[in-house]
Amino acid sequence: MIQILPFSKIVLKKVRVFGLDKKFKKQIDLFSKDHRHPSLHTELLLPKEYGIYSFRVDQKYRALFIFRKEKNAIEILNITLHYQ
């Protein structure tokens, strides 16, 4: 099970402003149990050397995060629009 570090004020503000409270909580719970769950669509972003990943909050928004291996945790950096 992966630990999720406390959210920054920026992340909390975007979750609230975008109206993602329930969806974000659901995806966080799912992520903490299985970060490879297919509905999360977790992916390593380019350029890969930066080690920034994302997972789907819903069809429109994604959460950007990095792994903190020394803490067996992730840190969510931002919530962004996802263009396909």
PDB file of N, CA and C in Angstrom:
ATOM      1  N   MET A   1       0.851  -1.187   0.000  1.00  0.00           N
ATOM      2  CA  MET A   1       0.000   0.000   0.000  1.00  0.00           C
ATOM      3  C   MET A   1       0.894   1.247   0.000  1.00  0.00           C
ATOM      4  N   ILE A   2       0.601   2.165  -0.888  1.00  0.00           N
ATOM      5  CA  ILE A   2       1.394   3.391  -1.032  1.00  0.00           C
ATOM      6  C   ILE A   2       0.777   4.498  -0.187  1.00  0.00           C
ATOM      7  N   GLN A   3       1.634   5.193   0.527  1.00  0.00           N
ATOM      8  CA  GLN A   3       1.204   6.333   1.323  1.00  0.00           C
ATOM      9  C   GLN A   3       1.082   7.554   0.404  1.00  0.00           C
ATOM     10  N   ILE A   4       0.105   8.384   0.683  1.00  0.00           N
ATOM     11  CA  ILE A   4      -0.069   9.618  -0.073  1.00  0.00           C
ATOM     12  C   ILE A   4       0.228  10.778   0.865  1.00  0.00           C
ATOM     13  N   LEU A   5       1.231  11.568   0.520  1.00  0.00           N
ATOM     14  CA  LEU A   5       1.628  12.695   1.358  1.00  0.00           C
ATOM     15  C   LEU A   5       0.522  13.747   1.407  1.00  0.00           C
ATOM     16  N   PRO A   6       0.478  14.554   2.464  1.00  0.00           N
ATOM     17  CA  PRO A   6      -0.561  15.590   2.567  1.00  0.00           C
ATOM     18  C   PRO A   6      -0.586  16.492   1.333  1.00  0.00           C
ATOM     19  N   PHE A   7      -1.780  16.908   0.966  1.00  0.00           N
ATOM     20  CA  PHE A   7      -1.971  17.718  -0.232  1.00  0.00           C
ATOM     21  C   PHE A   7      -1.575  19.166   0.018  1.00  0.00           C
ATOM     22  N   SER A   8      -0.998  19.777  -1.019  1.00  0.00           N
ATOM     23  CA  SER A   8      -0.651  21.194  -0.928  1.00  0.00           C
ATOM     24  C   SER A   8      -1.932  22.039  -1.031  1.00  0.00           C
ATOM     25  N   LYS A   9      -1.802  23.306  -0.672  1.00  0.00           N
ATOM     26  CA  LYS A   9      -2.941  24.230  -0.774  1.00  0.00           C
ATOM     27  C   LYS A   9      -3.396  24.372  -2.220  1.00  0.00           C
ATOM     28  N   ILE A  10      -2.456  24.322  -3.152  1.00  0.00           N
ATOM     29  CA  ILE A  10      -2.784  24.442  -4.576  1.00  0.00           C
ATOM     30  C   ILE A  10      -3.679  23.278  -5.012  1.00  0.00           C
ATOM     31  N   VAL A  11      -3.305  22.068  -4.629  1.00  0.00           N
ATOM     32  CA  VAL A  11      -4.091  20.890  -5.006  1.00  0.00           C
ATOM     33  C   VAL A  11      -5.479  20.967  -4.380  1.00  0.00           C
ATOM     34  N   LEU A  12      -5.554  21.265  -3.103  1.00  0.00           N
ATOM     35  CA  LEU A  12      -6.855  21.355  -2.424  1.00  0.00           C
ATOM     36  C   LEU A  12      -7.750  22.429  -3.048  1.00  0.00           C
ATOM     37  N   LYS A  13      -7.151  23.560  -3.424  1.00  0.00           N
ATOM     38  CA  LYS A  13      -7.920  24.642  -4.046  1.00  0.00           C
ATOM     39  C   LYS A  13      -8.481  24.191  -5.403  1.00  0.00           C
ATOM     40  N   LYS A  14      -7.648  23.534  -6.209  1.00  0.00           N
ATOM     41  CA  LYS A  14      -8.109  23.100  -7.530  1.00  0.00           C
ATOM     42  C   LYS A  14      -9.192  22.029  -7.418  1.00  0.00           C
ATOM     43  N   VAL A  15      -9.062  21.130  -6.472  1.00  0.00           N
ATOM     44  CA  VAL A  15     -10.100  20.110  -6.263  1.00  0.00           C
ATOM     45  C   VAL A  15     -11.422  20.793  -5.947  1.00  0.00           C
ATOM     46  N   ARG A  16     -11.378  21.789  -5.084  1.00  0.00           N
ATOM     47  CA  ARG A  16     -12.587  22.516  -4.693  1.00  0.00           C
ATOM     48  C   ARG A  16     -13.139  23.337  -5.866  1.00  0.00           C
ATOM     49  N   VAL A  17     -12.279  24.113  -6.536  1.00  0.00           N
ATOM     50  CA  VAL A  17     -12.719  24.992  -7.632  1.00  0.00           C
ATOM     51  C   VAL A  17     -13.289  24.182  -8.799  1.00  0.00           C
ATOM     52  N   PHE A  18     -12.670  23.054  -9.116  1.00  0.00           N
ATOM     53  CA  PHE A  18     -13.128  22.218 -10.233  1.00  0.00           C
ATOM     54  C   PHE A  18     -14.294  21.306  -9.834  1.00  0.00           C
ATOM     55  N   GLY A  19     -14.687  21.301  -8.557  1.00  0.00           N
ATOM     56  CA  GLY A  19     -15.806  20.476  -8.104  1.00  0.00           C
ATOM     57  C   GLY A  19     -15.500  18.981  -8.143  1.00  0.00           C
ATOM     58  N   LEU A  20     -14.278  18.626  -7.775  1.00  0.00           N
ATOM     59  CA  LEU A  20     -13.831  17.235  -7.882  1.00  0.00           C
ATOM     60  C   LEU A  20     -13.752  16.514  -6.535  1.00  0.00           C
ATOM     61  N   ASP A  21     -14.362  17.062  -5.495  1.00  0.00           N
ATOM     62  CA  ASP A  21     -14.204  16.514  -4.144  1.00  0.00           C
ATOM     63  C   ASP A  21     -14.452  15.003  -4.082  1.00  0.00           C
ATOM     64  N   LYS A  22     -15.613  14.554  -4.514  1.00  0.00           N
ATOM     65  CA  LYS A  22     -15.956  13.121  -4.421  1.00  0.00           C
ATOM     66  C   LYS A  22     -15.113  12.273  -5.369  1.00  0.00           C
ATOM     67  N   LYS A  23     -14.955  12.744  -6.594  1.00  0.00           N
ATOM     68  CA  LYS A  23     -14.179  11.982  -7.583  1.00  0.00           C
ATOM     69  C   LYS A  23     -12.722  11.845  -7.155  1.00  0.00           C
ATOM     70  N   PHE A  24     -12.148  12.951  -6.647  1.00  0.00           N
ATOM     71  CA  PHE A  24     -10.752  12.934  -6.231  1.00  0.00           C
ATOM     72  C   PHE A  24     -10.556  11.979  -5.060  1.00  0.00           C
ATOM     73  N   LYS A  25     -11.440  12.029  -4.072  1.00  0.00           N
ATOM     74  CA  LYS A  25     -11.337  11.136  -2.926  1.00  0.00           C
ATOM     75  C   LYS A  25     -11.435   9.679  -3.372  1.00  0.00           C
ATOM     76  N   LYS A  26     -12.369   9.389  -4.272  1.00  0.00           N
ATOM     77  CA  LYS A  26     -12.540   8.022  -4.772  1.00  0.00           C
ATOM     78  C   LYS A  26     -11.262   7.532  -5.464  1.00  0.00           C
ATOM     79  N   GLN A  27     -10.694   8.377  -6.323  1.00  0.00           N
ATOM     80  CA  GLN A  27      -9.489   7.980  -7.050  1.00  0.00           C
ATOM     81  C   GLN A  27      -8.284   7.850  -6.110  1.00  0.00           C
ATOM     82  N   ILE A  28      -8.190   8.702  -5.121  1.00  0.00           N
ATOM     83  CA  ILE A  28      -7.104   8.609  -4.141  1.00  0.00           C
ATOM     84  C   ILE A  28      -7.206   7.304  -3.366  1.00  0.00           C
ATOM     85  N   ASP A  29      -8.410   6.936  -2.939  1.00  0.00           N
ATOM     86  CA  ASP A  29      -8.606   5.674  -2.222  1.00  0.00           C
ATOM     87  C   ASP A  29      -8.202   4.499  -3.100  1.00  0.00           C
ATOM     88  N   LEU A  30      -8.617   4.538  -4.354  1.00  0.00           N
ATOM     89  CA  LEU A  30      -8.272   3.475  -5.297  1.00  0.00           C
ATOM     90  C   LEU A  30      -6.757   3.431  -5.522  1.00  0.00           C
ATOM     91  N   PHE A  31      -6.153   4.591  -5.699  1.00  0.00           N
ATOM     92  CA  PHE A  31      -4.713   4.667  -5.937  1.00  0.00           C
ATOM     93  C   PHE A  31      -3.929   4.095  -4.760  1.00  0.00           C
ATOM     94  N   SER A  32      -4.350   4.410  -3.542  1.00  0.00           N
ATOM     95  CA  SER A  32      -3.608   3.946  -2.368  1.00  0.00           C
ATOM     96  C   SER A  32      -3.658   2.427  -2.234  1.00  0.00           C
ATOM     97  N   LYS A  33      -4.699   1.798  -2.780  1.00  0.00           N
ATOM     98  CA  LYS A  33      -4.813   0.341  -2.738  1.00  0.00           C
ATOM     99  C   LYS A  33      -4.074  -0.333  -3.891  1.00  0.00           C
ATOM    100  N   ASP A  34      -4.164   0.279  -5.086  1.00  0.00           N
ATOM    101  CA  ASP A  34      -3.545  -0.308  -6.274  1.00  0.00           C
ATOM    102  C   ASP A  34      -3.268   0.794  -7.295  1.00  0.00           C
ATOM    103  N   HIS A  35      -2.026   1.302  -7.293  1.00  0.00           N
ATOM    104  CA  HIS A  35      -1.711   2.422  -8.187  1.00  0.00           C
ATOM    105  C   HIS A  35      -1.679   2.017  -9.664  1.00  0.00           C
ATOM    106  N   ARG A  36      -1.822   0.740  -9.942  1.00  0.00           N
ATOM    107  CA  ARG A  36      -1.864   0.276 -11.337  1.00  0.00           C
ATOM    108  C   ARG A  36      -3.279  -0.099 -11.793  1.00  0.00           C
ATOM    109  N   HIS A  37      -4.263   0.264 -11.002  1.00  0.00           N
ATOM    110  CA  HIS A  37      -5.650  -0.073 -11.356  1.00  0.00           C
ATOM    111  C   HIS A  37      -5.974   0.527 -12.729  1.00  0.00           C
ATOM    112  N   PRO A  38      -6.594  -0.264 -13.613  1.00  0.00           N
ATOM    113  CA  PRO A  38      -6.845   0.207 -14.989  1.00  0.00           C
ATOM    114  C   PRO A  38      -7.669   1.496 -15.090  1.00  0.00           C
ATOM    115  N   SER A  39      -8.598   1.732 -14.183  1.00  0.00           N
ATOM    116  CA  SER A  39      -9.430   2.933 -14.301  1.00  0.00           C
ATOM    117  C   SER A  39      -8.667   4.218 -13.971  1.00  0.00           C
ATOM    118  N   LEU A  40      -7.490   4.103 -13.373  1.00  0.00           N
ATOM    119  CA  LEU A  40      -6.683   5.287 -13.076  1.00  0.00           C
ATOM    120  C   LEU A  40      -5.909   5.792 -14.296  1.00  0.00           C
ATOM    121  N   HIS A  41      -5.636   4.899 -15.237  1.00  0.00           N
ATOM    122  CA  HIS A  41      -4.861   5.254 -16.428  1.00  0.00           C
ATOM    123  C   HIS A  41      -3.555   5.956 -16.037  1.00  0.00           C
ATOM    124  N   THR A  42      -2.851   5.387 -15.065  1.00  0.00           N
ATOM    125  CA  THR A  42      -1.589   5.957 -14.603  1.00  0.00           C
ATOM    126  C   THR A  42      -0.554   5.891 -15.712  1.00  0.00           C
ATOM    127  N   GLU A  43       0.162   7.014 -15.911  1.00  0.00           N
ATOM    128  CA  GLU A  43       1.177   7.036 -16.961  1.00  0.00           C
ATOM    129  C   GLU A  43       2.340   7.930 -16.573  1.00  0.00           C
ATOM    130  N   LEU A  44       3.512   7.583 -17.093  1.00  0.00           N
ATOM    131  CA  LEU A  44       4.717   8.387 -16.934  1.00  0.00           C
ATOM    132  C   LEU A  44       4.730   9.423 -18.052  1.00  0.00           C
ATOM    133  N   LEU A  45       4.852  10.678 -17.679  1.00  0.00           N
ATOM    134  CA  LEU A  45       4.796  11.758 -18.664  1.00  0.00           C
ATOM    135  C   LEU A  45       6.164  12.011 -19.283  1.00  0.00           C
ATOM    136  N   LEU A  46       6.142  12.631 -20.447  1.00  0.00           N
ATOM    137  CA  LEU A  46       7.376  12.999 -21.134  1.00  0.00           C
ATOM    138  C   LEU A  46       7.809  14.389 -20.706  1.00  0.00           C
ATOM    139  N   PRO A  47       9.072  14.668 -20.617  1.00  0.00           N
ATOM    140  CA  PRO A  47      10.196  13.754 -20.746  1.00  0.00           C
ATOM    141  C   PRO A  47      10.286  12.830 -19.517  1.00  0.00           C
ATOM    142  N   LYS A  48      10.510  11.574 -19.767  1.00  0.00           N
ATOM    143  CA  LYS A  48      10.505  10.548 -18.727  1.00  0.00           C
ATOM    144  C   LYS A  48      11.542  10.794 -17.639  1.00  0.00           C
ATOM    145  N   GLU A  49      12.636  11.486 -17.975  1.00  0.00           N
ATOM    146  CA  GLU A  49      13.707  11.727 -17.009  1.00  0.00           C
ATOM    147  C   GLU A  49      13.228  12.522 -15.788  1.00  0.00           C
ATOM    148  N   TYR A  50      12.136  13.283 -15.933  1.00  0.00           N
ATOM    149  CA  TYR A  50      11.645  14.095 -14.823  1.00  0.00           C
ATOM    150  C   TYR A  50      10.908  13.273 -13.775  1.00  0.00           C
ATOM    151  N   GLY A  51      10.447  12.088 -14.159  1.00  0.00           N
ATOM    152  CA  GLY A  51       9.778  11.205 -13.210  1.00  0.00           C
ATOM    153  C   GLY A  51       8.428  11.709 -12.739  1.00  0.00           C
ATOM    154  N   ILE A  52       7.736  12.449 -13.600  1.00  0.00           N
ATOM    155  CA  ILE A  52       6.403  12.946 -13.253  1.00  0.00           C
ATOM    156  C   ILE A  52       5.365  12.022 -13.889  1.00  0.00           C
ATOM    157  N   TYR A  53       4.434  11.581 -13.057  1.00  0.00           N
ATOM    158  CA  TYR A  53       3.373  10.674 -13.494  1.00  0.00           C
ATOM    159  C   TYR A  53       2.033  11.392 -13.390  1.00  0.00           C
ATOM    160  N   SER A  54       1.016  10.783 -13.987  1.00  0.00           N
ATOM    161  CA  SER A  54      -0.338  11.302 -13.812  1.00  0.00           C
ATOM    162  C   SER A  54      -1.307  10.144 -13.694  1.00  0.00           C
ATOM    163  N   PHE A  55      -2.429  10.415 -13.033  1.00  0.00           N
ATOM    164  CA  PHE A  55      -3.540   9.470 -13.030  1.00  0.00           C
ATOM    165  C   PHE A  55      -4.831  10.246 -13.251  1.00  0.00           C
ATOM    166  N   ARG A  56      -5.822   9.540 -13.756  1.00  0.00           N
ATOM    167  CA  ARG A  56      -7.091  10.162 -14.122  1.00  0.00           C
ATOM    168  C   ARG A  56      -7.950  10.408 -12.885  1.00  0.00           C
ATOM    169  N   VAL A  57      -8.426  11.649 -12.755  1.00  0.00           N
ATOM    170  CA  VAL A  57      -9.425  11.972 -11.742  1.00  0.00           C
ATOM    171  C   VAL A  57     -10.803  11.767 -12.361  1.00  0.00           C
ATOM    172  N   ASP A  58     -10.985  12.282 -13.565  1.00  0.00           N
ATOM    173  CA  ASP A  58     -12.166  11.998 -14.393  1.00  0.00           C
ATOM    174  C   ASP A  58     -11.751  12.223 -15.846  1.00  0.00           C
ATOM    175  N   GLN A  59     -12.706  12.235 -16.760  1.00  0.00           N
ATOM    176  CA  GLN A  59     -12.375  12.360 -18.185  1.00  0.00           C
ATOM    177  C   GLN A  59     -11.654  13.672 -18.495  1.00  0.00           C
ATOM    178  N   LYS A  60     -11.910  14.707 -17.702  1.00  0.00           N
ATOM    179  CA  LYS A  60     -11.385  16.034 -18.007  1.00  0.00           C
ATOM    180  C   LYS A  60     -10.115  16.396 -17.225  1.00  0.00           C
ATOM    181  N   TYR A  61      -9.922  15.813 -16.032  1.00  0.00           N
ATOM    182  CA  TYR A  61      -8.828  16.225 -15.154  1.00  0.00           C
ATOM    183  C   TYR A  61      -7.918  15.064 -14.785  1.00  0.00           C
ATOM    184  N   ARG A  62      -6.632  15.389 -14.614  1.00  0.00           N
ATOM    185  CA  ARG A  62      -5.633  14.414 -14.178  1.00  0.00           C
ATOM    186  C   ARG A  62      -4.841  15.002 -13.017  1.00  0.00           C
ATOM    187  N   ALA A  63      -4.371  14.119 -12.148  1.00  0.00           N
ATOM    188  CA  ALA A  63      -3.512  14.514 -11.029  1.00  0.00           C
ATOM    189  C   ALA A  63      -2.073  14.192 -11.406  1.00  0.00           C
ATOM    190  N   LEU A  64      -1.199  15.172 -11.269  1.00  0.00           N
ATOM    191  CA  LEU A  64       0.229  14.973 -11.527  1.00  0.00           C
ATOM    192  C   LEU A  64       0.908  14.649 -10.209  1.00  0.00           C
ATOM    193  N   PHE A  65       1.811  13.662 -10.227  1.00  0.00           N
ATOM    194  CA  PHE A  65       2.470  13.267  -8.991  1.00  0.00           C
ATOM    195  C   PHE A  65       3.866  12.727  -9.258  1.00  0.00           C
ATOM    196  N   ILE A  66       4.630  12.638  -8.172  1.00  0.00           N
ATOM    197  CA  ILE A  66       5.954  12.018  -8.214  1.00  0.00           C
ATOM    198  C   ILE A  66       6.029  10.987  -7.095  1.00  0.00           C
ATOM    199  N   PHE A  67       6.840   9.955  -7.328  1.00  0.00           N
ATOM    200  CA  PHE A  67       7.082   8.956  -6.295  1.00  0.00           C
ATOM    201  C   PHE A  67       8.164   9.457  -5.359  1.00  0.00           C
ATOM    202  N   ARG A  68       7.972   9.295  -4.078  1.00  0.00           N
ATOM    203  CA  ARG A  68       8.977   9.561  -3.048  1.00  0.00           C
ATOM    204  C   ARG A  68       9.398   8.200  -2.503  1.00  0.00           C
ATOM    205  N   LYS A  69      10.322   7.551  -3.211  1.00  0.00           N
ATOM    206  CA  LYS A  69      10.701   6.182  -2.889  1.00  0.00           C
ATOM    207  C   LYS A  69      11.226   6.027  -1.472  1.00  0.00           C
ATOM    208  N   GLU A  70      11.949   7.048  -0.977  1.00  0.00           N
ATOM    209  CA  GLU A  70      12.495   6.941   0.371  1.00  0.00           C
ATOM    210  C   GLU A  70      11.399   6.875   1.437  1.00  0.00           C
ATOM    211  N   LYS A  71      10.203   7.338   1.098  1.00  0.00           N
ATOM    212  CA  LYS A  71       9.076   7.322   2.038  1.00  0.00           C
ATOM    213  C   LYS A  71       8.000   6.316   1.632  1.00  0.00           C
ATOM    214  N   ASN A  72       8.227   5.577   0.531  1.00  0.00           N
ATOM    215  CA  ASN A  72       7.207   4.689  -0.037  1.00  0.00           C
ATOM    216  C   ASN A  72       5.886   5.445  -0.162  1.00  0.00           C
ATOM    217  N   ALA A  73       5.977   6.617  -0.802  1.00  0.00           N
ATOM    218  CA  ALA A  73       4.831   7.509  -0.882  1.00  0.00           C
ATOM    219  C   ALA A  73       4.827   8.246  -2.221  1.00  0.00           C
ATOM    220  N   ILE A  74       3.695   8.899  -2.475  1.00  0.00           N
ATOM    221  CA  ILE A  74       3.615   9.806  -3.617  1.00  0.00           C
ATOM    222  C   ILE A  74       3.272  11.196  -3.112  1.00  0.00           C
ATOM    223  N   GLU A  75       3.684  12.179  -3.908  1.00  0.00           N
ATOM    224  CA  GLU A  75       3.333  13.568  -3.635  1.00  0.00           C
ATOM    225  C   GLU A  75       2.579  14.098  -4.842  1.00  0.00           C
ATOM    226  N   ILE A  76       1.336  14.494  -4.631  1.00  0.00           N
ATOM    227  CA  ILE A  76       0.545  15.053  -5.725  1.00  0.00           C
ATOM    228  C   ILE A  76       0.934  16.515  -5.885  1.00  0.00           C
ATOM    229  N   LEU A  77       1.348  16.852  -7.106  1.00  0.00           N
ATOM    230  CA  LEU A  77       1.866  18.188  -7.393  1.00  0.00           C
ATOM    231  C   LEU A  77       0.790  19.155  -7.859  1.00  0.00           C
ATOM    232  N   ASN A  78      -0.160  18.641  -8.650  1.00  0.00           N
ATOM    233  CA  ASN A  78      -1.126  19.541  -9.281  1.00  0.00           C
ATOM    234  C   ASN A  78      -2.286  18.743  -9.852  1.00  0.00           C
ATOM    235  N   ILE A  79      -3.380  19.434 -10.124  1.00  0.00           N
ATOM    236  CA  ILE A  79      -4.520  18.890 -10.860  1.00  0.00           C
ATOM    237  C   ILE A  79      -4.595  19.712 -12.139  1.00  0.00           C
ATOM    238  N   THR A  80      -4.604  19.031 -13.291  1.00  0.00           N
ATOM    239  CA  THR A  80      -4.585  19.751 -14.561  1.00  0.00           C
ATOM    240  C   THR A  80      -5.666  19.236 -15.508  1.00  0.00           C
ATOM    241  N   LEU A  81      -5.959  20.064 -16.503  1.00  0.00           N
ATOM    242  CA  LEU A  81      -6.838  19.634 -17.582  1.00  0.00           C
ATOM    243  C   LEU A  81      -6.128  18.574 -18.402  1.00  0.00           C
ATOM    244  N   HIS A  82      -6.884  17.614 -18.898  1.00  0.00           N
ATOM    245  CA  HIS A  82      -6.306  16.571 -19.716  1.00  0.00           C
ATOM    246  C   HIS A  82      -6.874  16.689 -21.136  1.00  0.00           C
ATOM    247  N   TYR A  83      -6.008  17.022 -22.058  1.00  0.00           N
ATOM    248  CA  TYR A  83      -6.446  17.138 -23.455  1.00  0.00           C
ATOM    249  C   TYR A  83      -6.045  15.871 -24.191  1.00  0.00           C
ATOM    250  N   GLN A  84      -6.973  15.355 -24.985  1.00  0.00           N
ATOM    251  CA  GLN A  84      -6.664  14.157 -25.768  1.00  0.00           C
ATOM    252  C   GLN A  84      -6.730  14.466 -27.233  1.00  0.00           C
TER     253      GLN A  84
END
